[in-house]
Amino acid sequence: MVDSLGESLDRALESAFTRRIPQSAQAQMNYLVKQLKGTKAAAQALGVSQRTVERYVSGKIRRPRRDLRARLEREVKKRWQPQIRAKARKKAASTGGIVVSTRAKFGFTAASGTTDDARTRDITQALPPEWADRLYTAREQGATEQRLQQIAADGLAQMYFRANNTRAHGLDVELTDVEQIEIQL
């Protein structure tokens, strides 16, 4: 399964963490209950019963099923070190930018007589801070995966295909059939 661009954006922020998330299921569940201010909210976030959450907190259940383990880890990572996450996002959006590495099919809309057939390309390109800000802002506002891909395609179009708008003016880029995508800060 191919990771989504949204997941890759989240993983990039997680790379800034200064401490590991809690390792045991009980410690993760305790953290989640504390963050969500109750076992009922934690149960809703994980899609399990409140009683199941209480059993993990008390230590009566120690090893979650694989799917629950993944959901629990994902929910903890979402809330882990929010100040570190915010600082990394601010740095990417103001001074640092991001690096997009992708293997995807790129198609073009350009002047007649040019090739616009989509083909698979491997591209690694640094995008300036404004593109990082656009991607993270869209992610926070709940943008769809297609919208995030379009923002990334627009950034790649400007920086990679149009060389920061110094050539190929009017070239529109479409990103489809994403095989792999990774974001780095």
N, C-alpha and C. Protein backbone atom coordinates (compact mmCIF):
# COMPACT_ATOMS: atom_id res chain seq x y z
N MET A 1 0.83 -1.18 0.00
CA MET A 1 0.00 0.00 0.00
C MET A 1 0.88 1.25 0.00
N VAL A 2 0.53 2.22 -0.79
CA VAL A 2 1.27 3.46 -0.90
C VAL A 2 0.82 4.40 0.21
N ASP A 3 1.79 4.99 0.90
CA ASP A 3 1.45 5.99 1.91
C ASP A 3 0.87 7.21 1.23
N SER A 4 -0.03 7.87 1.92
CA SER A 4 -0.62 9.08 1.37
C SER A 4 0.32 10.26 1.63
N LEU A 5 0.10 11.32 0.90
CA LEU A 5 0.88 12.53 1.09
C LEU A 5 0.65 13.10 2.49
N GLY A 6 -0.60 13.02 2.95
CA GLY A 6 -0.92 13.49 4.31
C GLY A 6 -0.14 12.73 5.37
N GLU A 7 -0.06 11.41 5.24
CA GLU A 7 0.70 10.61 6.19
C GLU A 7 2.18 10.96 6.14
N SER A 8 2.67 11.21 4.95
CA SER A 8 4.07 11.58 4.80
C SER A 8 4.37 12.94 5.44
N LEU A 9 3.43 13.87 5.33
CA LEU A 9 3.59 15.17 6.00
C LEU A 9 3.65 14.99 7.51
N ASP A 10 2.78 14.12 8.04
CA ASP A 10 2.78 13.85 9.48
C ASP A 10 4.09 13.21 9.92
N ARG A 11 4.56 12.24 9.14
CA ARG A 11 5.81 11.54 9.47
C ARG A 11 7.00 12.50 9.46
N ALA A 12 6.98 13.48 8.56
CA ALA A 12 8.06 14.45 8.51
C ALA A 12 8.12 15.24 9.82
N LEU A 13 6.97 15.63 10.35
CA LEU A 13 6.95 16.34 11.64
C LEU A 13 7.39 15.43 12.78
N GLU A 14 7.04 14.15 12.69
CA GLU A 14 7.43 13.20 13.73
C GLU A 14 8.95 13.03 13.79
N SER A 15 9.64 13.28 12.68
CA SER A 15 11.09 13.15 12.68
C SER A 15 11.75 14.20 13.58
N ALA A 16 11.01 15.23 13.95
CA ALA A 16 11.54 16.28 14.83
C ALA A 16 11.39 15.93 16.31
N PHE A 17 10.67 14.86 16.63
CA PHE A 17 10.45 14.50 18.04
C PHE A 17 11.79 14.35 18.75
N THR A 18 11.82 14.79 20.00
CA THR A 18 13.04 14.68 20.80
C THR A 18 13.02 13.48 21.74
N ARG A 19 11.84 12.90 21.93
CA ARG A 19 11.70 11.70 22.77
C ARG A 19 10.82 10.70 22.04
N ARG A 20 11.04 9.43 22.34
CA ARG A 20 10.20 8.38 21.77
C ARG A 20 8.83 8.41 22.43
N ILE A 21 7.82 7.95 21.67
CA ILE A 21 6.49 7.83 22.26
C ILE A 21 6.51 6.70 23.27
N PRO A 22 5.55 6.65 24.19
CA PRO A 22 5.49 5.53 25.14
C PRO A 22 5.47 4.20 24.38
N GLN A 23 6.15 3.19 24.92
CA GLN A 23 6.32 1.95 24.17
C GLN A 23 5.26 0.88 24.48
N SER A 24 4.85 0.75 25.72
CA SER A 24 3.88 -0.30 26.05
C SER A 24 2.47 0.17 25.73
N ALA A 25 1.60 -0.79 25.50
CA ALA A 25 0.20 -0.47 25.21
C ALA A 25 -0.44 0.25 26.40
N GLN A 26 -0.09 -0.16 27.61
CA GLN A 26 -0.65 0.47 28.80
C GLN A 26 -0.20 1.93 28.89
N ALA A 27 1.08 2.19 28.66
CA ALA A 27 1.58 3.56 28.73
C ALA A 27 0.97 4.42 27.62
N GLN A 28 0.82 3.86 26.43
CA GLN A 28 0.19 4.60 25.34
C GLN A 28 -1.26 4.91 25.66
N MET A 29 -1.96 3.93 26.21
CA MET A 29 -3.37 4.13 26.55
C MET A 29 -3.50 5.17 27.66
N ASN A 30 -2.64 5.11 28.67
CA ASN A 30 -2.67 6.11 29.74
C ASN A 30 -2.44 7.51 29.17
N TYR A 31 -1.49 7.64 28.26
CA TYR A 31 -1.21 8.94 27.65
C TYR A 31 -2.43 9.44 26.87
N LEU A 32 -3.03 8.56 26.10
CA LEU A 32 -4.18 8.94 25.29
C LEU A 32 -5.37 9.35 26.16
N VAL A 33 -5.61 8.60 27.24
CA VAL A 33 -6.70 8.93 28.17
C VAL A 33 -6.45 10.31 28.79
N LYS A 34 -5.21 10.56 29.17
CA LYS A 34 -4.87 11.86 29.76
C LYS A 34 -5.07 12.99 28.75
N GLN A 35 -4.62 12.79 27.51
CA GLN A 35 -4.73 13.83 26.49
C GLN A 35 -6.19 14.11 26.11
N LEU A 36 -6.99 13.05 26.05
CA LEU A 36 -8.39 13.20 25.65
C LEU A 36 -9.32 13.42 26.83
N LYS A 37 -8.74 13.44 28.03
CA LYS A 37 -9.47 13.73 29.27
C LYS A 37 -10.60 12.74 29.54
N GLY A 38 -10.28 11.45 29.39
CA GLY A 38 -11.26 10.44 29.77
C GLY A 38 -11.21 9.19 28.92
N THR A 39 -11.69 8.10 29.52
CA THR A 39 -11.67 6.82 28.81
C THR A 39 -12.71 6.77 27.70
N LYS A 40 -13.81 7.49 27.87
CA LYS A 40 -14.85 7.48 26.85
C LYS A 40 -14.34 8.10 25.54
N ALA A 41 -13.69 9.24 25.65
CA ALA A 41 -13.15 9.92 24.46
C ALA A 41 -12.05 9.08 23.81
N ALA A 42 -11.21 8.43 24.62
CA ALA A 42 -10.16 7.57 24.08
C ALA A 42 -10.77 6.38 23.34
N ALA A 43 -11.82 5.82 23.92
CA ALA A 43 -12.50 4.69 23.28
C ALA A 43 -13.09 5.10 21.93
N GLN A 44 -13.68 6.27 21.87
CA GLN A 44 -14.25 6.76 20.61
C GLN A 44 -13.16 7.00 19.57
N ALA A 45 -12.03 7.55 19.98
CA ALA A 45 -10.93 7.82 19.06
C ALA A 45 -10.35 6.53 18.48
N LEU A 46 -10.37 5.47 19.30
CA LEU A 46 -9.79 4.19 18.88
C LEU A 46 -10.81 3.24 18.26
N GLY A 47 -12.08 3.54 18.43
CA GLY A 47 -13.11 2.65 17.89
C GLY A 47 -13.28 1.37 18.69
N VAL A 48 -13.09 1.46 20.00
CA VAL A 48 -13.27 0.30 20.89
C VAL A 48 -14.21 0.71 22.01
N SER A 49 -14.55 -0.24 22.87
CA SER A 49 -15.44 0.08 23.99
C SER A 49 -14.67 0.78 25.10
N GLN A 50 -15.41 1.52 25.91
CA GLN A 50 -14.81 2.20 27.04
C GLN A 50 -14.21 1.18 28.01
N ARG A 51 -14.87 0.06 28.15
CA ARG A 51 -14.38 -1.00 29.06
C ARG A 51 -13.02 -1.55 28.59
N THR A 52 -12.84 -1.66 27.28
CA THR A 52 -11.56 -2.13 26.75
C THR A 52 -10.45 -1.16 27.12
N VAL A 53 -10.72 0.13 26.99
CA VAL A 53 -9.73 1.15 27.36
C VAL A 53 -9.40 1.02 28.84
N GLU A 54 -10.42 0.85 29.67
CA GLU A 54 -10.20 0.71 31.12
C GLU A 54 -9.34 -0.51 31.44
N ARG A 55 -9.53 -1.59 30.71
CA ARG A 55 -8.72 -2.80 30.93
C ARG A 55 -7.25 -2.56 30.59
N TYR A 56 -6.98 -1.81 29.51
CA TYR A 56 -5.59 -1.48 29.16
C TYR A 56 -4.98 -0.58 30.21
N VAL A 57 -5.73 0.42 30.68
CA VAL A 57 -5.23 1.35 31.68
C VAL A 57 -4.88 0.61 32.98
N SER A 58 -5.71 -0.33 33.36
CA SER A 58 -5.46 -1.08 34.61
C SER A 58 -4.41 -2.16 34.43
N GLY A 59 -4.05 -2.48 33.21
CA GLY A 59 -3.04 -3.51 32.96
C GLY A 59 -3.59 -4.91 32.81
N LYS A 60 -4.92 -5.07 32.79
CA LYS A 60 -5.52 -6.40 32.63
C LYS A 60 -5.32 -6.94 31.22
N ILE A 61 -5.26 -6.06 30.26
CA ILE A 61 -4.92 -6.46 28.89
C ILE A 61 -3.60 -5.77 28.56
N ARG A 62 -2.68 -6.54 27.99
CA ARG A 62 -1.35 -5.98 27.73
C ARG A 62 -1.00 -5.91 26.24
N ARG A 63 -1.51 -6.83 25.46
CA ARG A 63 -1.11 -6.88 24.06
C ARG A 63 -2.31 -6.68 23.14
N PRO A 64 -2.37 -5.53 22.50
CA PRO A 64 -3.50 -5.27 21.60
C PRO A 64 -3.37 -6.04 20.29
N ARG A 65 -4.53 -6.24 19.64
CA ARG A 65 -4.52 -6.82 18.29
C ARG A 65 -3.72 -5.89 17.39
N ARG A 66 -3.27 -6.41 16.27
CA ARG A 66 -2.43 -5.64 15.36
C ARG A 66 -3.11 -4.34 14.91
N ASP A 67 -4.39 -4.43 14.53
CA ASP A 67 -5.08 -3.23 14.04
C ASP A 67 -5.26 -2.20 15.15
N LEU A 68 -5.57 -2.65 16.36
CA LEU A 68 -5.71 -1.73 17.48
C LEU A 68 -4.35 -1.13 17.86
N ARG A 69 -3.31 -1.93 17.80
CA ARG A 69 -1.97 -1.44 18.10
C ARG A 69 -1.59 -0.30 17.14
N ALA A 70 -1.91 -0.47 15.87
CA ALA A 70 -1.60 0.56 14.87
C ALA A 70 -2.42 1.83 15.13
N ARG A 71 -3.71 1.67 15.43
CA ARG A 71 -4.56 2.84 15.71
C ARG A 71 -4.08 3.57 16.96
N LEU A 72 -3.74 2.80 18.00
CA LEU A 72 -3.28 3.38 19.25
C LEU A 72 -1.99 4.18 19.03
N GLU A 73 -1.06 3.60 18.31
CA GLU A 73 0.20 4.29 18.04
C GLU A 73 -0.04 5.56 17.21
N ARG A 74 -0.90 5.47 16.22
CA ARG A 74 -1.21 6.62 15.37
C ARG A 74 -1.84 7.76 16.19
N GLU A 75 -2.79 7.42 17.07
CA GLU A 75 -3.46 8.44 17.88
C GLU A 75 -2.49 9.08 18.88
N VAL A 76 -1.57 8.30 19.43
CA VAL A 76 -0.58 8.85 20.36
C VAL A 76 0.37 9.77 19.61
N LYS A 77 0.84 9.33 18.43
CA LYS A 77 1.77 10.16 17.66
C LYS A 77 1.14 11.48 17.24
N LYS A 78 -0.17 11.47 16.98
CA LYS A 78 -0.87 12.70 16.59
C LYS A 78 -0.78 13.76 17.68
N ARG A 79 -0.72 13.30 18.93
CA ARG A 79 -0.76 14.22 20.07
C ARG A 79 0.58 14.37 20.76
N TRP A 80 1.59 13.63 20.36
CA TRP A 80 2.88 13.61 21.05
C TRP A 80 3.67 14.87 20.73
N GLN A 81 4.24 15.49 21.72
CA GLN A 81 5.09 16.67 21.63
C GLN A 81 4.52 17.74 20.68
N PRO A 82 3.38 18.29 21.03
CA PRO A 82 2.76 19.27 20.14
C PRO A 82 3.59 20.54 19.92
N GLN A 83 4.36 20.94 20.92
CA GLN A 83 5.18 22.15 20.75
C GLN A 83 6.34 21.89 19.80
N ILE A 84 6.93 20.71 19.88
CA ILE A 84 8.03 20.34 18.97
C ILE A 84 7.49 20.25 17.55
N ARG A 85 6.31 19.64 17.40
CA ARG A 85 5.66 19.52 16.10
C ARG A 85 5.37 20.91 15.51
N ALA A 86 4.83 21.80 16.33
CA ALA A 86 4.51 23.16 15.87
C ALA A 86 5.77 23.93 15.48
N LYS A 87 6.83 23.75 16.25
CA LYS A 87 8.09 24.43 15.95
C LYS A 87 8.67 23.93 14.62
N ALA A 88 8.62 22.63 14.38
CA ALA A 88 9.13 22.07 13.13
C ALA A 88 8.29 22.54 11.95
N ARG A 89 6.97 22.60 12.13
CA ARG A 89 6.09 23.07 11.06
C ARG A 89 6.37 24.54 10.75
N LYS A 90 6.54 25.35 11.80
CA LYS A 90 6.81 26.77 11.61
C LYS A 90 8.13 26.98 10.89
N LYS A 91 9.14 26.20 11.24
CA LYS A 91 10.45 26.32 10.59
C LYS A 91 10.33 25.95 9.11
N ALA A 92 9.63 24.88 8.81
CA ALA A 92 9.45 24.46 7.42
C ALA A 92 8.69 25.51 6.62
N ALA A 93 7.71 26.15 7.26
CA ALA A 93 6.87 27.12 6.57
C ALA A 93 7.47 28.52 6.52
N SER A 94 8.53 28.77 7.28
CA SER A 94 9.09 30.12 7.28
C SER A 94 10.50 30.19 6.70
N THR A 95 11.35 29.23 7.02
CA THR A 95 12.73 29.31 6.55
C THR A 95 13.25 28.04 5.89
N GLY A 96 12.80 26.89 6.35
CA GLY A 96 13.43 25.64 5.92
C GLY A 96 12.90 25.04 4.63
N GLY A 97 11.59 25.10 4.43
CA GLY A 97 11.01 24.41 3.29
C GLY A 97 10.98 22.90 3.51
N ILE A 98 10.65 22.18 2.47
CA ILE A 98 10.58 20.71 2.54
C ILE A 98 11.23 20.12 1.30
N VAL A 99 11.51 18.82 1.38
CA VAL A 99 12.01 18.08 0.23
C VAL A 99 10.97 17.02 -0.10
N VAL A 100 10.54 17.00 -1.35
CA VAL A 100 9.56 16.01 -1.81
C VAL A 100 10.30 15.00 -2.67
N SER A 101 10.20 13.72 -2.30
CA SER A 101 10.74 12.63 -3.11
C SER A 101 9.56 11.79 -3.55
N THR A 102 9.41 11.61 -4.84
CA THR A 102 8.25 10.88 -5.32
C THR A 102 8.58 10.07 -6.57
N ARG A 103 7.83 9.02 -6.72
CA ARG A 103 7.80 8.25 -7.97
C ARG A 103 6.33 8.24 -8.35
N ALA A 104 6.02 8.96 -9.41
CA ALA A 104 4.63 9.12 -9.82
C ALA A 104 4.58 9.40 -11.31
N LYS A 105 3.37 9.37 -11.82
CA LYS A 105 3.14 9.69 -13.22
C LYS A 105 2.82 11.18 -13.31
N PHE A 106 3.57 11.87 -14.17
CA PHE A 106 3.38 13.29 -14.38
C PHE A 106 2.87 13.51 -15.79
N GLY A 107 1.81 14.27 -15.92
CA GLY A 107 1.28 14.67 -17.22
C GLY A 107 1.30 16.18 -17.29
N PHE A 108 1.26 16.72 -18.49
CA PHE A 108 1.42 18.16 -18.68
C PHE A 108 0.34 18.72 -19.56
N THR A 109 0.04 19.97 -19.35
CA THR A 109 -0.79 20.75 -20.24
C THR A 109 0.08 21.92 -20.68
N ALA A 110 0.39 21.97 -21.96
CA ALA A 110 1.29 23.01 -22.45
C ALA A 110 0.86 23.42 -23.85
N ALA A 111 1.66 24.29 -24.44
CA ALA A 111 1.37 24.76 -25.79
C ALA A 111 1.35 23.60 -26.77
N SER A 112 0.60 23.75 -27.88
CA SER A 112 0.51 22.67 -28.86
C SER A 112 1.89 22.42 -29.47
N GLY A 113 2.10 21.18 -29.86
CA GLY A 113 3.37 20.79 -30.44
C GLY A 113 4.37 20.27 -29.42
N THR A 114 4.02 20.30 -28.14
CA THR A 114 4.92 19.78 -27.11
C THR A 114 4.37 18.46 -26.62
N THR A 115 5.21 17.69 -26.01
CA THR A 115 4.78 16.39 -25.50
C THR A 115 4.04 16.58 -24.18
N ASP A 116 2.86 16.01 -24.09
CA ASP A 116 2.12 16.10 -22.84
C ASP A 116 1.69 14.72 -22.36
N ASP A 117 2.29 13.68 -22.93
CA ASP A 117 1.97 12.33 -22.50
C ASP A 117 2.50 12.11 -21.08
N ALA A 118 1.66 11.57 -20.24
CA ALA A 118 2.07 11.30 -18.86
C ALA A 118 3.07 10.16 -18.85
N ARG A 119 4.08 10.28 -18.01
CA ARG A 119 5.04 9.19 -17.84
C ARG A 119 5.55 9.19 -16.40
N THR A 120 6.00 8.03 -15.96
CA THR A 120 6.47 7.86 -14.59
C THR A 120 7.85 8.47 -14.45
N ARG A 121 8.02 9.25 -13.39
CA ARG A 121 9.31 9.89 -13.11
C ARG A 121 9.64 9.73 -11.63
N ASP A 122 10.93 9.65 -11.35
CA ASP A 122 11.44 9.72 -9.98
C ASP A 122 11.97 11.13 -9.79
N ILE A 123 11.40 11.85 -8.86
CA ILE A 123 11.80 13.25 -8.64
C ILE A 123 12.05 13.46 -7.15
N THR A 124 13.17 14.11 -6.85
CA THR A 124 13.46 14.60 -5.51
C THR A 124 13.75 16.09 -5.67
N GLN A 125 12.93 16.91 -5.04
CA GLN A 125 13.04 18.34 -5.24
C GLN A 125 12.76 19.09 -3.94
N ALA A 126 13.62 20.05 -3.64
CA ALA A 126 13.39 20.93 -2.50
C ALA A 126 12.33 21.96 -2.90
N LEU A 127 11.36 22.16 -2.03
CA LEU A 127 10.34 23.18 -2.25
C LEU A 127 10.52 24.27 -1.21
N PRO A 128 10.38 25.53 -1.61
CA PRO A 128 10.57 26.63 -0.66
C PRO A 128 9.49 26.66 0.42
N PRO A 129 9.73 27.46 1.45
CA PRO A 129 8.82 27.50 2.60
C PRO A 129 7.35 27.74 2.26
N GLU A 130 7.06 28.57 1.27
CA GLU A 130 5.64 28.85 0.99
C GLU A 130 4.88 27.60 0.57
N TRP A 131 5.56 26.66 -0.09
CA TRP A 131 4.89 25.41 -0.48
C TRP A 131 4.68 24.51 0.74
N ALA A 132 5.65 24.51 1.66
CA ALA A 132 5.48 23.76 2.91
C ALA A 132 4.29 24.32 3.67
N ASP A 133 4.20 25.64 3.74
CA ASP A 133 3.09 26.28 4.44
C ASP A 133 1.76 25.91 3.79
N ARG A 134 1.69 25.95 2.46
CA ARG A 134 0.45 25.58 1.77
C ARG A 134 0.04 24.15 2.07
N LEU A 135 1.01 23.24 2.02
CA LEU A 135 0.70 21.82 2.26
C LEU A 135 0.22 21.60 3.70
N TYR A 136 0.96 22.13 4.67
CA TYR A 136 0.58 21.92 6.07
C TYR A 136 -0.73 22.63 6.43
N THR A 137 -0.95 23.80 5.87
CA THR A 137 -2.21 24.51 6.11
C THR A 137 -3.38 23.72 5.55
N ALA A 138 -3.22 23.22 4.33
CA ALA A 138 -4.28 22.41 3.71
C ALA A 138 -4.52 21.14 4.53
N ARG A 139 -3.46 20.52 5.01
CA ARG A 139 -3.59 19.30 5.82
C ARG A 139 -4.37 19.59 7.10
N GLU A 140 -4.05 20.69 7.76
CA GLU A 140 -4.73 21.05 9.00
C GLU A 140 -6.20 21.39 8.77
N GLN A 141 -6.51 21.90 7.58
CA GLN A 141 -7.89 22.25 7.25
C GLN A 141 -8.68 21.06 6.72
N GLY A 142 -8.06 19.88 6.69
CA GLY A 142 -8.77 18.67 6.28
C GLY A 142 -8.88 18.48 4.78
N ALA A 143 -7.91 18.99 4.03
CA ALA A 143 -7.94 18.83 2.57
C ALA A 143 -7.86 17.36 2.18
N THR A 144 -8.46 17.04 1.05
CA THR A 144 -8.43 15.66 0.54
C THR A 144 -7.03 15.34 0.04
N GLU A 145 -6.78 14.05 -0.13
CA GLU A 145 -5.50 13.60 -0.67
C GLU A 145 -5.27 14.18 -2.07
N GLN A 146 -6.33 14.25 -2.86
CA GLN A 146 -6.20 14.79 -4.22
C GLN A 146 -5.79 16.27 -4.17
N ARG A 147 -6.34 17.02 -3.23
CA ARG A 147 -5.99 18.44 -3.09
C ARG A 147 -4.53 18.58 -2.66
N LEU A 148 -4.08 17.75 -1.72
CA LEU A 148 -2.68 17.79 -1.29
C LEU A 148 -1.75 17.45 -2.45
N GLN A 149 -2.14 16.45 -3.24
CA GLN A 149 -1.33 16.07 -4.40
C GLN A 149 -1.28 17.20 -5.42
N GLN A 150 -2.37 17.93 -5.58
CA GLN A 150 -2.37 19.05 -6.53
C GLN A 150 -1.46 20.17 -6.06
N ILE A 151 -1.45 20.43 -4.77
CA ILE A 151 -0.55 21.46 -4.22
C ILE A 151 0.90 21.04 -4.44
N ALA A 152 1.20 19.76 -4.15
CA ALA A 152 2.56 19.25 -4.38
C ALA A 152 2.93 19.32 -5.86
N ALA A 153 1.99 18.98 -6.74
CA ALA A 153 2.24 19.04 -8.18
C ALA A 153 2.51 20.48 -8.62
N ASP A 154 1.77 21.43 -8.06
CA ASP A 154 2.00 22.83 -8.40
C ASP A 154 3.39 23.28 -7.95
N GLY A 155 3.79 22.84 -6.76
CA GLY A 155 5.13 23.18 -6.26
C GLY A 155 6.22 22.56 -7.12
N LEU A 156 6.04 21.29 -7.48
CA LEU A 156 7.02 20.63 -8.35
C LEU A 156 7.03 21.26 -9.74
N ALA A 157 5.87 21.68 -10.22
CA ALA A 157 5.80 22.34 -11.52
C ALA A 157 6.64 23.62 -11.50
N GLN A 158 6.48 24.40 -10.44
CA GLN A 158 7.21 25.66 -10.36
C GLN A 158 8.71 25.44 -10.21
N MET A 159 9.11 24.57 -9.28
CA MET A 159 10.53 24.44 -8.94
C MET A 159 11.29 23.47 -9.84
N TYR A 160 10.67 22.39 -10.27
CA TYR A 160 11.37 21.37 -11.04
C TYR A 160 11.18 21.57 -12.54
N PHE A 161 9.94 21.61 -12.97
CA PHE A 161 9.67 21.66 -14.40
C PHE A 161 9.85 23.06 -15.00
N ARG A 162 9.52 24.10 -14.24
CA ARG A 162 9.66 25.46 -14.76
C ARG A 162 10.89 26.17 -14.19
N ALA A 163 11.72 25.46 -13.43
CA ALA A 163 12.96 26.00 -12.86
C ALA A 163 12.70 27.35 -12.18
N ASN A 164 11.81 27.33 -11.21
CA ASN A 164 11.41 28.52 -10.46
C ASN A 164 10.92 29.62 -11.39
N ASN A 165 10.09 29.18 -12.33
CA ASN A 165 9.43 30.06 -13.30
C ASN A 165 10.39 30.82 -14.21
N THR A 166 11.55 30.22 -14.52
CA THR A 166 12.48 30.84 -15.47
C THR A 166 12.35 30.24 -16.86
N ARG A 167 11.60 29.15 -17.01
CA ARG A 167 11.39 28.54 -18.33
C ARG A 167 10.05 27.83 -18.33
N ALA A 168 9.63 27.38 -19.49
CA ALA A 168 8.38 26.61 -19.66
C ALA A 168 7.19 27.30 -19.03
N HIS A 169 7.06 28.59 -19.31
CA HIS A 169 5.93 29.37 -18.76
C HIS A 169 4.61 28.78 -19.24
N GLY A 170 3.64 28.74 -18.39
CA GLY A 170 2.32 28.24 -18.76
C GLY A 170 2.19 26.73 -18.69
N LEU A 171 3.23 26.03 -18.28
CA LEU A 171 3.18 24.58 -18.17
C LEU A 171 2.43 24.19 -16.90
N ASP A 172 1.35 23.45 -17.04
CA ASP A 172 0.61 22.94 -15.90
C ASP A 172 0.95 21.47 -15.73
N VAL A 173 1.17 21.05 -14.50
CA VAL A 173 1.59 19.68 -14.21
C VAL A 173 0.51 18.97 -13.42
N GLU A 174 0.27 17.72 -13.79
CA GLU A 174 -0.71 16.89 -13.09
C GLU A 174 0.01 15.67 -12.54
N LEU A 175 -0.20 15.40 -11.27
CA LEU A 175 0.43 14.29 -10.57
C LEU A 175 -0.60 13.18 -10.40
N THR A 176 -0.34 11.99 -10.97
CA THR A 176 -1.27 10.87 -10.86
C THR A 176 -0.49 9.59 -10.60
N ASP A 177 -1.20 8.53 -10.28
CA ASP A 177 -0.61 7.20 -10.08
C ASP A 177 0.65 7.26 -9.20
N VAL A 178 0.49 7.81 -8.01
CA VAL A 178 1.62 7.94 -7.09
C VAL A 178 2.01 6.56 -6.58
N GLU A 179 3.24 6.15 -6.85
CA GLU A 179 3.75 4.87 -6.37
C GLU A 179 4.43 5.03 -5.02
N GLN A 180 5.07 6.18 -4.82
CA GLN A 180 5.80 6.44 -3.57
C GLN A 180 5.91 7.94 -3.42
N ILE A 181 5.74 8.41 -2.20
CA ILE A 181 5.97 9.84 -1.93
C ILE A 181 6.46 9.99 -0.49
N GLU A 182 7.46 10.83 -0.31
CA GLU A 182 8.03 11.04 1.01
C GLU A 182 8.38 12.51 1.16
N ILE A 183 8.05 13.06 2.31
CA ILE A 183 8.35 14.45 2.63
C ILE A 183 9.41 14.46 3.73
N GLN A 184 10.39 15.33 3.57
CA GLN A 184 11.40 15.52 4.60
C GLN A 184 11.52 17.00 4.92
N LEU A 185 11.81 17.28 6.18
CA LEU A 185 11.99 18.69 6.57
C LEU A 185 13.42 19.11 6.30
